[in-house]
């Protein structure tokens, strides 16, 4: 319900039934050649967004980015260590929903880590 509420704020003219949201998210996730990505200023990205940098996926959370790994997030680096523009792996529609106030639940390892 929280996601749907934020979705409706982010996309007021879009249908908001679960099946409609899922179809739009899928279209934003995958294109004919694989996953869709885009480049955006890191400063414009809301918490919960995933970006790609140096062949690693990073979770944007506050003033830090957390490196994703199969066992959880481990390395933490400040935003200032990343380029101004980054490759965004989170679909645009999802990023808009995060920006509209959706607060995801984070893996506990995203609260800790080693800054380096």
PDB file of N, CA and C in Angstrom:
ATOM      1  N   UNK A   1       0.817  -1.195   0.000  1.00  0.00           N
ATOM      2  CA  UNK A   1       0.000   0.000   0.000  1.00  0.00           C
ATOM      3  C   UNK A   1       0.866   1.267   0.000  1.00  0.00           C
ATOM      4  N   UNK A   2       2.010   1.195   0.713  1.00  0.00           N
ATOM      5  CA  UNK A   2       2.908   2.359   0.732  1.00  0.00           C
ATOM      6  C   UNK A   2       3.473   2.630  -0.659  1.00  0.00           C
ATOM      7  N   UNK A   3       3.866   1.565  -1.362  1.00  0.00           N
ATOM      8  CA  UNK A   3       4.400   1.728  -2.708  1.00  0.00           C
ATOM      9  C   UNK A   3       3.328   2.303  -3.630  1.00  0.00           C
ATOM     10  N   UNK A   4       2.129   1.769  -3.564  1.00  0.00           N
ATOM     11  CA  UNK A   4       1.047   2.227  -4.428  1.00  0.00           C
ATOM     12  C   UNK A   4       0.733   3.699  -4.163  1.00  0.00           C
ATOM     13  N   UNK A   5       0.742   4.114  -2.911  1.00  0.00           N
ATOM     14  CA  UNK A   5       0.485   5.529  -2.579  1.00  0.00           C
ATOM     15  C   UNK A   5       1.559   6.429  -3.184  1.00  0.00           C
ATOM     16  N   UNK A   6       2.821   6.040  -3.025  1.00  0.00           N
ATOM     17  CA  UNK A   6       3.915   6.833  -3.595  1.00  0.00           C
ATOM     18  C   UNK A   6       3.860   6.788  -5.118  1.00  0.00           C
ATOM     19  N   UNK A   7       3.528   5.627  -5.680  1.00  0.00           N
ATOM     20  CA  UNK A   7       3.395   5.491  -7.129  1.00  0.00           C
ATOM     21  C   UNK A   7       2.358   6.489  -7.655  1.00  0.00           C
ATOM     22  N   UNK A   8       1.224   6.569  -6.978  1.00  0.00           N
ATOM     23  CA  UNK A   8       0.149   7.462  -7.405  1.00  0.00           C
ATOM     24  C   UNK A   8       0.593   8.924  -7.342  1.00  0.00           C
ATOM     25  N   UNK A   9       1.372   9.271  -6.330  1.00  0.00           N
ATOM     26  CA  UNK A   9       1.903  10.642  -6.256  1.00  0.00           C
ATOM     27  C   UNK A   9       2.889  10.901  -7.393  1.00  0.00           C
ATOM     28  N   UNK A  10       3.726   9.917  -7.710  1.00  0.00           N
ATOM     29  CA  UNK A  10       4.748  10.081  -8.752  1.00  0.00           C
ATOM     30  C   UNK A  10       4.153  10.031 -10.158  1.00  0.00           C
ATOM     31  N   UNK A  11       3.094   9.266 -10.316  1.00  0.00           N
ATOM     32  CA  UNK A  11       2.492   9.035 -11.640  1.00  0.00           C
ATOM     33  C   UNK A  11       0.978   9.257 -11.546  1.00  0.00           C
ATOM     34  N   UNK A  12       0.540  10.487 -11.303  1.00  0.00           N
ATOM     35  CA  UNK A  12      -0.884  10.732 -11.045  1.00  0.00           C
ATOM     36  C   UNK A  12      -1.814  10.370 -12.195  1.00  0.00           C
ATOM     37  N   UNK A  13      -1.322  10.351 -13.415  1.00  0.00           N
ATOM     38  CA  UNK A  13      -2.183  10.036 -14.560  1.00  0.00           C
ATOM     39  C   UNK A  13      -2.100   8.579 -15.003  1.00  0.00           C
ATOM     40  N   UNK A  14      -1.276   7.797 -14.319  1.00  0.00           N
ATOM     41  CA  UNK A  14      -1.104   6.387 -14.697  1.00  0.00           C
ATOM     42  C   UNK A  14      -2.067   5.507 -13.909  1.00  0.00           C
ATOM     43  N   UNK A  15      -2.499   4.411 -14.513  1.00  0.00           N
ATOM     44  CA  UNK A  15      -3.315   3.449 -13.760  1.00  0.00           C
ATOM     45  C   UNK A  15      -2.530   2.954 -12.544  1.00  0.00           C
ATOM     46  N   UNK A  16      -3.231   2.666 -11.457  1.00  0.00           N
ATOM     47  CA  UNK A  16      -2.512   2.261 -10.253  1.00  0.00           C
ATOM     48  C   UNK A  16      -2.947   0.906  -9.697  1.00  0.00           C
ATOM     49  N   UNK A  17      -3.535   0.079 -10.546  1.00  0.00           N
ATOM     50  CA  UNK A  17      -3.781  -1.302 -10.130  1.00  0.00           C
ATOM     51  C   UNK A  17      -2.454  -2.049 -10.159  1.00  0.00           C
ATOM     52  N   UNK A  18      -2.304  -3.051  -9.333  1.00  0.00           N
ATOM     53  CA  UNK A  18      -1.040  -3.789  -9.232  1.00  0.00           C
ATOM     54  C   UNK A  18      -0.585  -4.316 -10.594  1.00  0.00           C
ATOM     55  N   UNK A  19      -1.490  -4.861 -11.368  1.00  0.00           N
ATOM     56  CA  UNK A  19      -1.115  -5.410 -12.686  1.00  0.00           C
ATOM     57  C   UNK A  19      -0.616  -4.301 -13.611  1.00  0.00           C
ATOM     58  N   UNK A  20      -1.238  -3.129 -13.556  1.00  0.00           N
ATOM     59  CA  UNK A  20      -0.812  -2.004 -14.395  1.00  0.00           C
ATOM     60  C   UNK A  20       0.562  -1.500 -13.969  1.00  0.00           C
ATOM     61  N   UNK A  21       0.770  -1.382 -12.671  1.00  0.00           N
ATOM     62  CA  UNK A  21       2.070  -0.941 -12.151  1.00  0.00           C
ATOM     63  C   UNK A  21       3.146  -1.935 -12.565  1.00  0.00           C
ATOM     64  N   UNK A  22       2.857  -3.225 -12.410  1.00  0.00           N
ATOM     65  CA  UNK A  22       3.836  -4.252 -12.758  1.00  0.00           C
ATOM     66  C   UNK A  22       4.202  -4.193 -14.241  1.00  0.00           C
ATOM     67  N   UNK A  23       3.222  -3.995 -15.108  1.00  0.00           N
ATOM     68  CA  UNK A  23       3.497  -3.904 -16.547  1.00  0.00           C
ATOM     69  C   UNK A  23       4.413  -2.710 -16.846  1.00  0.00           C
ATOM     70  N   UNK A  24       4.127  -1.581 -16.219  1.00  0.00           N
ATOM     71  CA  UNK A  24       4.955  -0.394 -16.482  1.00  0.00           C
ATOM     72  C   UNK A  24       6.358  -0.581 -15.924  1.00  0.00           C
ATOM     73  N   UNK A  25       6.471  -1.152 -14.736  1.00  0.00           N
ATOM     74  CA  UNK A  25       7.793  -1.393 -14.157  1.00  0.00           C
ATOM     75  C   UNK A  25       8.598  -2.351 -15.035  1.00  0.00           C
ATOM     76  N   UNK A  26       7.949  -3.393 -15.519  1.00  0.00           N
ATOM     77  CA  UNK A  26       8.651  -4.357 -16.375  1.00  0.00           C
ATOM     78  C   UNK A  26       9.154  -3.676 -17.645  1.00  0.00           C
ATOM     79  N   UNK A  27       8.332  -2.819 -18.228  1.00  0.00           N
ATOM     80  CA  UNK A  27       8.740  -2.112 -19.445  1.00  0.00           C
ATOM     81  C   UNK A  27       9.916  -1.170 -19.167  1.00  0.00           C
ATOM     82  N   UNK A  28       9.998  -0.637 -17.962  1.00  0.00           N
ATOM     83  CA  UNK A  28      11.108   0.245 -17.599  1.00  0.00           C
ATOM     84  C   UNK A  28      12.362  -0.534 -17.225  1.00  0.00           C
ATOM     85  N   UNK A  29      12.192  -1.791 -16.797  1.00  0.00           N
ATOM     86  CA  UNK A  29      13.338  -2.624 -16.393  1.00  0.00           C
ATOM     87  C   UNK A  29      14.074  -3.213 -17.572  1.00  0.00           C
ATOM     88  N   UNK A  30      13.314  -3.731 -18.544  1.00  0.00           N
ATOM     89  CA  UNK A  30      13.928  -4.486 -19.635  1.00  0.00           C
ATOM     90  C   UNK A  30      13.546  -3.923 -20.987  1.00  0.00           C
ATOM     91  N   UNK A  31      14.564  -3.814 -21.835  1.00  0.00           N
ATOM     92  CA  UNK A  31      14.345  -3.411 -23.217  1.00  0.00           C
ATOM     93  C   UNK A  31      14.697  -4.564 -24.123  1.00  0.00           C
ATOM     94  N   UNK A  32      14.657  -4.349 -25.421  1.00  0.00           N
ATOM     95  CA  UNK A  32      14.947  -5.423 -26.366  1.00  0.00           C
ATOM     96  C   UNK A  32      16.373  -5.958 -26.248  1.00  0.00           C
ATOM     97  N   UNK A  33      17.272  -5.158 -25.712  1.00  0.00           N
ATOM     98  CA  UNK A  33      18.683  -5.565 -25.623  1.00  0.00           C
ATOM     99  C   UNK A  33      19.120  -5.892 -24.195  1.00  0.00           C
ATOM    100  N   UNK A  34      18.176  -5.980 -23.258  1.00  0.00           N
ATOM    101  CA  UNK A  34      18.523  -6.293 -21.878  1.00  0.00           C
ATOM    102  C   UNK A  34      18.073  -5.198 -20.923  1.00  0.00           C
ATOM    103  N   UNK A  35      18.685  -5.173 -19.736  1.00  0.00           N
ATOM    104  CA  UNK A  35      18.264  -4.184 -18.737  1.00  0.00           C
ATOM    105  C   UNK A  35      18.425  -2.755 -19.249  1.00  0.00           C
ATOM    106  N   UNK A  36      17.438  -1.939 -18.936  1.00  0.00           N
ATOM    107  CA  UNK A  36      17.500  -0.518 -19.292  1.00  0.00           C
ATOM    108  C   UNK A  36      18.267   0.228 -18.209  1.00  0.00           C
ATOM    109  N   UNK A  37      19.133   1.108 -18.612  1.00  0.00           N
ATOM    110  CA  UNK A  37      19.844   1.974 -17.679  1.00  0.00           C
ATOM    111  C   UNK A  37      19.754   3.402 -18.211  1.00  0.00           C
ATOM    112  N   UNK A  38      20.112   4.343 -17.382  1.00  0.00           N
ATOM    113  CA  UNK A  38      20.224   5.728 -17.828  1.00  0.00           C
ATOM    114  C   UNK A  38      21.273   6.414 -16.966  1.00  0.00           C
ATOM    115  N   UNK A  39      21.746   7.547 -17.421  1.00  0.00           N
ATOM    116  CA  UNK A  39      22.741   8.311 -16.691  1.00  0.00           C
ATOM    117  C   UNK A  39      22.034   9.495 -16.037  1.00  0.00           C
ATOM    118  N   UNK A  40      22.377   9.756 -14.768  1.00  0.00           N
ATOM    119  CA  UNK A  40      21.763  10.871 -14.039  1.00  0.00           C
ATOM    120  C   UNK A  40      22.766  11.431 -13.045  1.00  0.00           C
ATOM    121  N   UNK A  41      22.573  12.685 -12.650  1.00  0.00           N
ATOM    122  CA  UNK A  41      23.428  13.243 -11.599  1.00  0.00           C
ATOM    123  C   UNK A  41      23.194  12.501 -10.281  1.00  0.00           C
ATOM    124  N   UNK A  42      24.262  12.101  -9.633  1.00  0.00           N
ATOM    125  CA  UNK A  42      24.148  11.389  -8.363  1.00  0.00           C
ATOM    126  C   UNK A  42      23.362  12.214  -7.350  1.00  0.00           C
ATOM    127  N   UNK A  43      23.538  13.522  -7.360  1.00  0.00           N
ATOM    128  CA  UNK A  43      22.839  14.381  -6.400  1.00  0.00           C
ATOM    129  C   UNK A  43      21.325  14.364  -6.585  1.00  0.00           C
ATOM    130  N   UNK A  44      20.839  13.931  -7.753  1.00  0.00           N
ATOM    131  CA  UNK A  44      19.401  13.918  -8.016  1.00  0.00           C
ATOM    132  C   UNK A  44      18.729  12.615  -7.594  1.00  0.00           C
ATOM    133  N   UNK A  45      19.507  11.638  -7.161  1.00  0.00           N
ATOM    134  CA  UNK A  45      18.948  10.309  -6.919  1.00  0.00           C
ATOM    135  C   UNK A  45      18.468  10.138  -5.481  1.00  0.00           C
ATOM    136  N   UNK A  46      17.275   9.592  -5.324  1.00  0.00           N
ATOM    137  CA  UNK A  46      16.743   9.365  -3.985  1.00  0.00           C
ATOM    138  C   UNK A  46      17.348   8.118  -3.334  1.00  0.00           C
ATOM    139  N   UNK A  47      17.271   8.066  -2.029  1.00  0.00           N
ATOM    140  CA  UNK A  47      17.695   6.866  -1.307  1.00  0.00           C
ATOM    141  C   UNK A  47      16.919   5.663  -1.836  1.00  0.00           C
ATOM    142  N   UNK A  48      17.619   4.535  -1.935  1.00  0.00           N
ATOM    143  CA  UNK A  48      17.013   3.310  -2.435  1.00  0.00           C
ATOM    144  C   UNK A  48      17.337   3.038  -3.888  1.00  0.00           C
ATOM    145  N   UNK A  49      17.931   4.008  -4.569  1.00  0.00           N
ATOM    146  CA  UNK A  49      18.311   3.839  -5.970  1.00  0.00           C
ATOM    147  C   UNK A  49      19.582   2.999  -6.056  1.00  0.00           C
ATOM    148  N   UNK A  50      19.664   2.151  -7.076  1.00  0.00           N
ATOM    149  CA  UNK A  50      20.872   1.377  -7.346  1.00  0.00           C
ATOM    150  C   UNK A  50      21.579   1.977  -8.550  1.00  0.00           C
ATOM    151  N   UNK A  51      22.908   2.144  -8.403  1.00  0.00           N
ATOM    152  CA  UNK A  51      23.722   2.658  -9.505  1.00  0.00           C
ATOM    153  C   UNK A  51      24.847   1.677  -9.779  1.00  0.00           C
ATOM    154  N   UNK A  52      25.457   1.836 -10.941  1.00  0.00           N
ATOM    155  CA  UNK A  52      26.590   0.995 -11.314  1.00  0.00           C
ATOM    156  C   UNK A  52      27.818   1.879 -11.445  1.00  0.00           C
ATOM    157  N   UNK A  53      28.903   1.450 -10.810  1.00  0.00           N
ATOM    158  CA  UNK A  53      30.165   2.182 -10.898  1.00  0.00           C
ATOM    159  C   UNK A  53      31.302   1.186 -10.728  1.00  0.00           C
ATOM    160  N   UNK A  54      32.263   1.241 -11.630  1.00  0.00           N
ATOM    161  CA  UNK A  54      33.424   0.348 -11.585  1.00  0.00           C
ATOM    162  C   UNK A  54      33.011  -1.121 -11.472  1.00  0.00           C
ATOM    163  N   UNK A  55      32.033  -1.500 -12.301  1.00  0.00           N
ATOM    164  CA  UNK A  55      31.551  -2.884 -12.384  1.00  0.00           C
ATOM    165  C   UNK A  55      30.955  -3.401 -11.080  1.00  0.00           C
ATOM    166  N   UNK A  56      30.494  -2.501 -10.237  1.00  0.00           N
ATOM    167  CA  UNK A  56      29.842  -2.853  -8.972  1.00  0.00           C
ATOM    168  C   UNK A  56      28.520  -2.116  -8.891  1.00  0.00           C
ATOM    169  N   UNK A  57      27.527  -2.769  -8.291  1.00  0.00           N
ATOM    170  CA  UNK A  57      26.242  -2.103  -8.043  1.00  0.00           C
ATOM    171  C   UNK A  57      26.291  -1.495  -6.650  1.00  0.00           C
ATOM    172  N   UNK A  58      25.787  -0.267  -6.540  1.00  0.00           N
ATOM    173  CA  UNK A  58      25.835   0.490  -5.290  1.00  0.00           C
ATOM    174  C   UNK A  58      24.440   0.975  -4.918  1.00  0.00           C
ATOM    175  N   UNK A  59      24.099   0.853  -3.645  1.00  0.00           N
ATOM    176  CA  UNK A  59      22.858   1.373  -3.102  1.00  0.00           C
ATOM    177  C   UNK A  59      23.092   2.801  -2.624  1.00  0.00           C
ATOM    178  N   UNK A  60      22.274   3.729  -3.087  1.00  0.00           N
ATOM    179  CA  UNK A  60      22.337   5.111  -2.612  1.00  0.00           C
ATOM    180  C   UNK A  60      21.542   5.188  -1.320  1.00  0.00           C
ATOM    181  N   UNK A  61      22.186   5.652  -0.253  1.00  0.00           N
ATOM    182  CA  UNK A  61      21.505   5.780   1.038  1.00  0.00           C
ATOM    183  C   UNK A  61      22.157   6.902   1.828  1.00  0.00           C
ATOM    184  N   UNK A  62      21.462   7.998   1.935  1.00  0.00           N
ATOM    185  CA  UNK A  62      21.996   9.138   2.662  1.00  0.00           C
ATOM    186  C   UNK A  62      23.223   9.686   1.957  1.00  0.00           C
ATOM    187  N   UNK A  63      24.233   9.978   2.728  1.00  0.00           N
ATOM    188  CA  UNK A  63      25.470  10.539   2.167  1.00  0.00           C
ATOM    189  C   UNK A  63      26.452   9.461   1.717  1.00  0.00           C
ATOM    190  N   UNK A  64      26.014   8.199   1.730  1.00  0.00           N
ATOM    191  CA  UNK A  64      26.905   7.098   1.403  1.00  0.00           C
ATOM    192  C   UNK A  64      26.297   6.198   0.335  1.00  0.00           C
ATOM    193  N   UNK A  65      27.171   5.444  -0.324  1.00  0.00           N
ATOM    194  CA  UNK A  65      26.760   4.387  -1.226  1.00  0.00           C
ATOM    195  C   UNK A  65      27.316   3.083  -0.678  1.00  0.00           C
ATOM    196  N   UNK A  66      26.508   2.039  -0.745  1.00  0.00           N
ATOM    197  CA  UNK A  66      26.848   0.730  -0.187  1.00  0.00           C
ATOM    198  C   UNK A  66      27.007  -0.255  -1.327  1.00  0.00           C
ATOM    199  N   UNK A  67      28.144  -0.932  -1.384  1.00  0.00           N
ATOM    200  CA  UNK A  67      28.408  -1.908  -2.446  1.00  0.00           C
ATOM    201  C   UNK A  67      27.591  -3.165  -2.208  1.00  0.00           C
ATOM    202  N   UNK A  68      26.876  -3.590  -3.249  1.00  0.00           N
ATOM    203  CA  UNK A  68      26.068  -4.793  -3.164  1.00  0.00           C
ATOM    204  C   UNK A  68      26.951  -6.011  -3.379  1.00  0.00           C
ATOM    205  N   UNK A  69      26.668  -7.061  -2.606  1.00  0.00           N
ATOM    206  CA  UNK A  69      27.308  -8.368  -2.774  1.00  0.00           C
ATOM    207  C   UNK A  69      26.264  -9.421  -2.412  1.00  0.00           C
ATOM    208  N   UNK A  70      26.472 -10.654  -2.842  1.00  0.00           N
ATOM    209  CA  UNK A  70      25.502 -11.710  -2.563  1.00  0.00           C
ATOM    210  C   UNK A  70      25.266 -11.913  -1.074  1.00  0.00           C
ATOM    211  N   UNK A  71      26.262 -11.652  -0.248  1.00  0.00           N
ATOM    212  CA  UNK A  71      26.112 -11.825   1.192  1.00  0.00           C
ATOM    213  C   UNK A  71      25.571 -10.607   1.913  1.00  0.00           C
ATOM    214  N   UNK A  72      25.286  -9.550   1.192  1.00  0.00           N
ATOM    215  CA  UNK A  72      24.805  -8.304   1.791  1.00  0.00           C
ATOM    216  C   UNK A  72      25.705  -7.156   1.370  1.00  0.00           C
ATOM    217  N   UNK A  73      25.392  -5.991   1.838  1.00  0.00           N
ATOM    218  CA  UNK A  73      26.198  -4.810   1.516  1.00  0.00           C
ATOM    219  C   UNK A  73      27.431  -4.813   2.398  1.00  0.00           C
ATOM    220  N   UNK A  74      28.586  -4.486   1.806  1.00  0.00           N
ATOM    221  CA  UNK A  74      29.790  -4.521   2.630  1.00  0.00           C
ATOM    222  C   UNK A  74      30.549  -3.201   2.610  1.00  0.00           C
ATOM    223  N   UNK A  75      31.160  -2.835   1.533  1.00  0.00           N
ATOM    224  CA  UNK A  75      31.952  -1.607   1.470  1.00  0.00           C
ATOM    225  C   UNK A  75      31.020  -0.399   1.376  1.00  0.00           C
ATOM    226  N   UNK A  76      31.345   0.632   2.125  1.00  0.00           N
ATOM    227  CA  UNK A  76      30.582   1.872   2.126  1.00  0.00           C
ATOM    228  C   UNK A  76      31.520   3.003   1.725  1.00  0.00           C
ATOM    229  N   UNK A  77      31.061   3.830   0.773  1.00  0.00           N
ATOM    230  CA  UNK A  77      31.878   4.971   0.341  1.00  0.00           C
ATOM    231  C   UNK A  77      31.017   6.230   0.332  1.00  0.00           C
ATOM    232  N   UNK A  78      31.595   7.365   0.670  1.00  0.00           N
ATOM    233  CA  UNK A  78      30.826   8.615   0.621  1.00  0.00           C
ATOM    234  C   UNK A  78      30.477   8.993  -0.815  1.00  0.00           C
ATOM    235  N   UNK A  79      29.363   9.666  -0.979  1.00  0.00           N
ATOM    236  CA  UNK A  79      28.932  10.123  -2.307  1.00  0.00           C
ATOM    237  C   UNK A  79      30.033  10.911  -3.002  1.00  0.00           C
ATOM    238  N   UNK A  80      30.808  11.655  -2.229  1.00  0.00           N
ATOM    239  CA  UNK A  80      31.842  12.525  -2.809  1.00  0.00           C
ATOM    240  C   UNK A  80      32.912  11.753  -3.575  1.00  0.00           C
ATOM    241  N   UNK A  81      33.018  10.447  -3.376  1.00  0.00           N
ATOM    242  CA  UNK A  81      34.018   9.639  -4.078  1.00  0.00           C
ATOM    243  C   UNK A  81      33.528   9.116  -5.432  1.00  0.00           C
ATOM    244  N   UNK A  82      32.309   9.450  -5.795  1.00  0.00           N
ATOM    245  CA  UNK A  82      31.726   8.974  -7.043  1.00  0.00           C
ATOM    246  C   UNK A  82      31.674  10.110  -8.059  1.00  0.00           C
ATOM    247  N   UNK A  83      31.619   9.767  -9.337  1.00  0.00           N
ATOM    248  CA  UNK A  83      31.499  10.825 -10.346  1.00  0.00           C
ATOM    249  C   UNK A  83      30.169  11.570 -10.202  1.00  0.00           C
ATOM    250  N   UNK A  84      30.113  12.758 -10.764  1.00  0.00           N
ATOM    251  CA  UNK A  84      28.892  13.571 -10.681  1.00  0.00           C
ATOM    252  C   UNK A  84      27.710  12.871 -11.354  1.00  0.00           C
ATOM    253  N   UNK A  85      27.970  12.230 -12.498  1.00  0.00           N
ATOM    254  CA  UNK A  85      26.929  11.505 -13.219  1.00  0.00           C
ATOM    255  C   UNK A  85      27.215  10.013 -13.131  1.00  0.00           C
ATOM    256  N   UNK A  86      26.190   9.230 -12.838  1.00  0.00           N
ATOM    257  CA  UNK A  86      26.355   7.788 -12.655  1.00  0.00           C
ATOM    258  C   UNK A  86      25.361   7.029 -13.532  1.00  0.00           C
ATOM    259  N   UNK A  87      25.659   5.767 -13.760  1.00  0.00           N
ATOM    260  CA  UNK A  87      24.751   4.874 -14.477  1.00  0.00           C
ATOM    261  C   UNK A  87      23.716   4.375 -13.476  1.00  0.00           C
ATOM    262  N   UNK A  88      22.464   4.638 -13.760  1.00  0.00           N
ATOM    263  CA  UNK A  88      21.379   4.258 -12.855  1.00  0.00           C
ATOM    264  C   UNK A  88      20.794   2.934 -13.316  1.00  0.00           C
ATOM    265  N   UNK A  89      20.765   1.967 -12.399  1.00  0.00           N
ATOM    266  CA  UNK A  89      20.197   0.651 -12.697  1.00  0.00           C
ATOM    267  C   UNK A  89      18.726   0.567 -12.277  1.00  0.00           C
ATOM    268  N   UNK A  90      18.312   1.408 -11.370  1.00  0.00           N
ATOM    269  CA  UNK A  90      16.911   1.429 -10.933  1.00  0.00           C
ATOM    270  C   UNK A  90      16.067   2.027 -12.057  1.00  0.00           C
ATOM    271  N   UNK A  91      14.983   1.370 -12.437  1.00  0.00           N
ATOM    272  CA  UNK A  91      14.136   1.923 -13.487  1.00  0.00           C
ATOM    273  C   UNK A  91      13.631   3.326 -13.135  1.00  0.00           C
ATOM    274  N   UNK A  92      13.473   4.147 -14.164  1.00  0.00           N
ATOM    275  CA  UNK A  92      13.025   5.534 -13.955  1.00  0.00           C
ATOM    276  C   UNK A  92      11.716   5.604 -13.157  1.00  0.00           C
ATOM    277  N   UNK A  93      10.767   4.727 -13.470  1.00  0.00           N
ATOM    278  CA  UNK A  93       9.469   4.756 -12.775  1.00  0.00           C
ATOM    279  C   UNK A  93       9.640   4.445 -11.290  1.00  0.00           C
ATOM    280  N   UNK A  94      10.553   3.541 -10.965  1.00  0.00           N
ATOM    281  CA  UNK A  94      10.804   3.208  -9.565  1.00  0.00           C
ATOM    282  C   UNK A  94      11.507   4.361  -8.859  1.00  0.00           C
ATOM    283  N   UNK A  95      12.489   4.971  -9.522  1.00  0.00           N
ATOM    284  CA  UNK A  95      13.184   6.121  -8.936  1.00  0.00           C
ATOM    285  C   UNK A  95      12.202   7.257  -8.661  1.00  0.00           C
ATOM    286  N   UNK A  96      11.271   7.473  -9.571  1.00  0.00           N
ATOM    287  CA  UNK A  96      10.256   8.516  -9.361  1.00  0.00           C
ATOM    288  C   UNK A  96       9.392   8.191  -8.146  1.00  0.00           C
ATOM    289  N   UNK A  97       9.083   6.917  -7.954  1.00  0.00           N
ATOM    290  CA  UNK A  97       8.282   6.504  -6.806  1.00  0.00           C
ATOM    291  C   UNK A  97       9.072   6.686  -5.511  1.00  0.00           C
ATOM    292  N   UNK A  98      10.356   6.380  -5.533  1.00  0.00           N
ATOM    293  CA  UNK A  98      11.207   6.645  -4.369  1.00  0.00           C
ATOM    294  C   UNK A  98      11.240   8.147  -4.074  1.00  0.00           C
ATOM    295  N   UNK A  99      11.393   8.939  -5.112  1.00  0.00           N
ATOM    296  CA  UNK A  99      11.440  10.391  -4.959  1.00  0.00           C
ATOM    297  C   UNK A  99      10.123  10.925  -4.397  1.00  0.00           C
ATOM    298  N   UNK A 100       9.012  10.247  -4.700  1.00  0.00           N
ATOM    299  CA  UNK A 100       7.688  10.672  -4.232  1.00  0.00           C
ATOM    300  C   UNK A 100       7.412  10.245  -2.798  1.00  0.00           C
ATOM    301  N   UNK A 101       8.398   9.618  -2.157  1.00  0.00           N
ATOM    302  CA  UNK A 101       8.250   9.330  -0.737  1.00  0.00           C
ATOM    303  C   UNK A 101       8.226   7.879  -0.333  1.00  0.00           C
ATOM    304  N   UNK A 102       8.315   6.951  -1.287  1.00  0.00           N
ATOM    305  CA  UNK A 102       8.340   5.544  -0.885  1.00  0.00           C
ATOM    306  C   UNK A 102       9.636   5.255  -0.143  1.00  0.00           C
ATOM    307  N   UNK A 103       9.527   4.669   1.029  1.00  0.00           N
ATOM    308  CA  UNK A 103      10.674   4.309   1.854  1.00  0.00           C
ATOM    309  C   UNK A 103      10.829   2.792   1.840  1.00  0.00           C
ATOM    310  N   UNK A 104      11.809   2.275   1.112  1.00  0.00           N
ATOM    311  CA  UNK A 104      11.985   0.818   1.077  1.00  0.00           C
ATOM    312  C   UNK A 104      12.525   0.298   2.403  1.00  0.00           C
ATOM    313  N   UNK A 105      12.391  -0.986   2.583  1.00  0.00           N
ATOM    314  CA  UNK A 105      13.022  -1.656   3.716  1.00  0.00           C
ATOM    315  C   UNK A 105      14.389  -2.116   3.244  1.00  0.00           C
ATOM    316  N   UNK A 106      15.421  -1.777   4.012  1.00  0.00           N
ATOM    317  CA  UNK A 106      16.791  -2.107   3.615  1.00  0.00           C
ATOM    318  C   UNK A 106      17.272  -3.361   4.329  1.00  0.00           C
ATOM    319  N   UNK A 107      18.142  -4.089   3.656  1.00  0.00           N
ATOM    320  CA  UNK A 107      18.820  -5.211   4.283  1.00  0.00           C
ATOM    321  C   UNK A 107      19.622  -4.660   5.461  1.00  0.00           C
ATOM    322  N   UNK A 108      19.686  -5.376   6.588  1.00  0.00           N
ATOM    323  CA  UNK A 108      20.416  -4.858   7.759  1.00  0.00           C
ATOM    324  C   UNK A 108      21.860  -4.484   7.461  1.00  0.00           C
ATOM    325  N   UNK A 109      22.497  -5.138   6.506  1.00  0.00           N
ATOM    326  CA  UNK A 109      23.880  -4.817   6.200  1.00  0.00           C
ATOM    327  C   UNK A 109      24.037  -3.431   5.559  1.00  0.00           C
ATOM    328  N   UNK A 110      22.937  -2.828   5.104  1.00  0.00           N
ATOM    329  CA  UNK A 110      23.007  -1.480   4.538  1.00  0.00           C
ATOM    330  C   UNK A 110      23.102  -0.431   5.635  1.00  0.00           C
ATOM    331  N   UNK A 111      23.010  -0.861   6.894  1.00  0.00           N
ATOM    332  CA  UNK A 111      23.162   0.064   8.026  1.00  0.00           C
ATOM    333  C   UNK A 111      24.597   0.076   8.520  1.00  0.00           C
ATOM    334  N   UNK A 112      25.384  -0.887   8.085  1.00  0.00           N
ATOM    335  CA  UNK A 112      26.744  -0.999   8.575  1.00  0.00           C
ATOM    336  C   UNK A 112      27.685  -1.106   7.381  1.00  0.00           C
ATOM    337  N   UNK A 113      28.893  -1.394   7.627  1.00  0.00           N
ATOM    338  CA  UNK A 113      29.853  -1.569   6.557  1.00  0.00           C
ATOM    339  C   UNK A 113      31.138  -0.857   6.873  1.00  0.00           C
ATOM    340  N   UNK A 114      32.092  -1.026   6.020  1.00  0.00           N
ATOM    341  CA  UNK A 114      33.394  -0.419   6.202  1.00  0.00           C
ATOM    342  C   UNK A 114      33.549   0.717   5.215  1.00  0.00           C
ATOM    343  N   UNK A 115      33.694   1.930   5.716  1.00  0.00           N
ATOM    344  CA  UNK A 115      33.905   3.068   4.825  1.00  0.00           C
ATOM    345  C   UNK A 115      35.327   3.003   4.321  1.00  0.00           C
ATOM    346  N   UNK A 116      35.453   3.014   2.986  1.00  0.00           N
ATOM    347  CA  UNK A 116      36.784   3.067   2.363  1.00  0.00           C
ATOM    348  C   UNK A 116      36.679   3.532   0.953  1.00  0.00           C
TER     349      UNK A 116
END
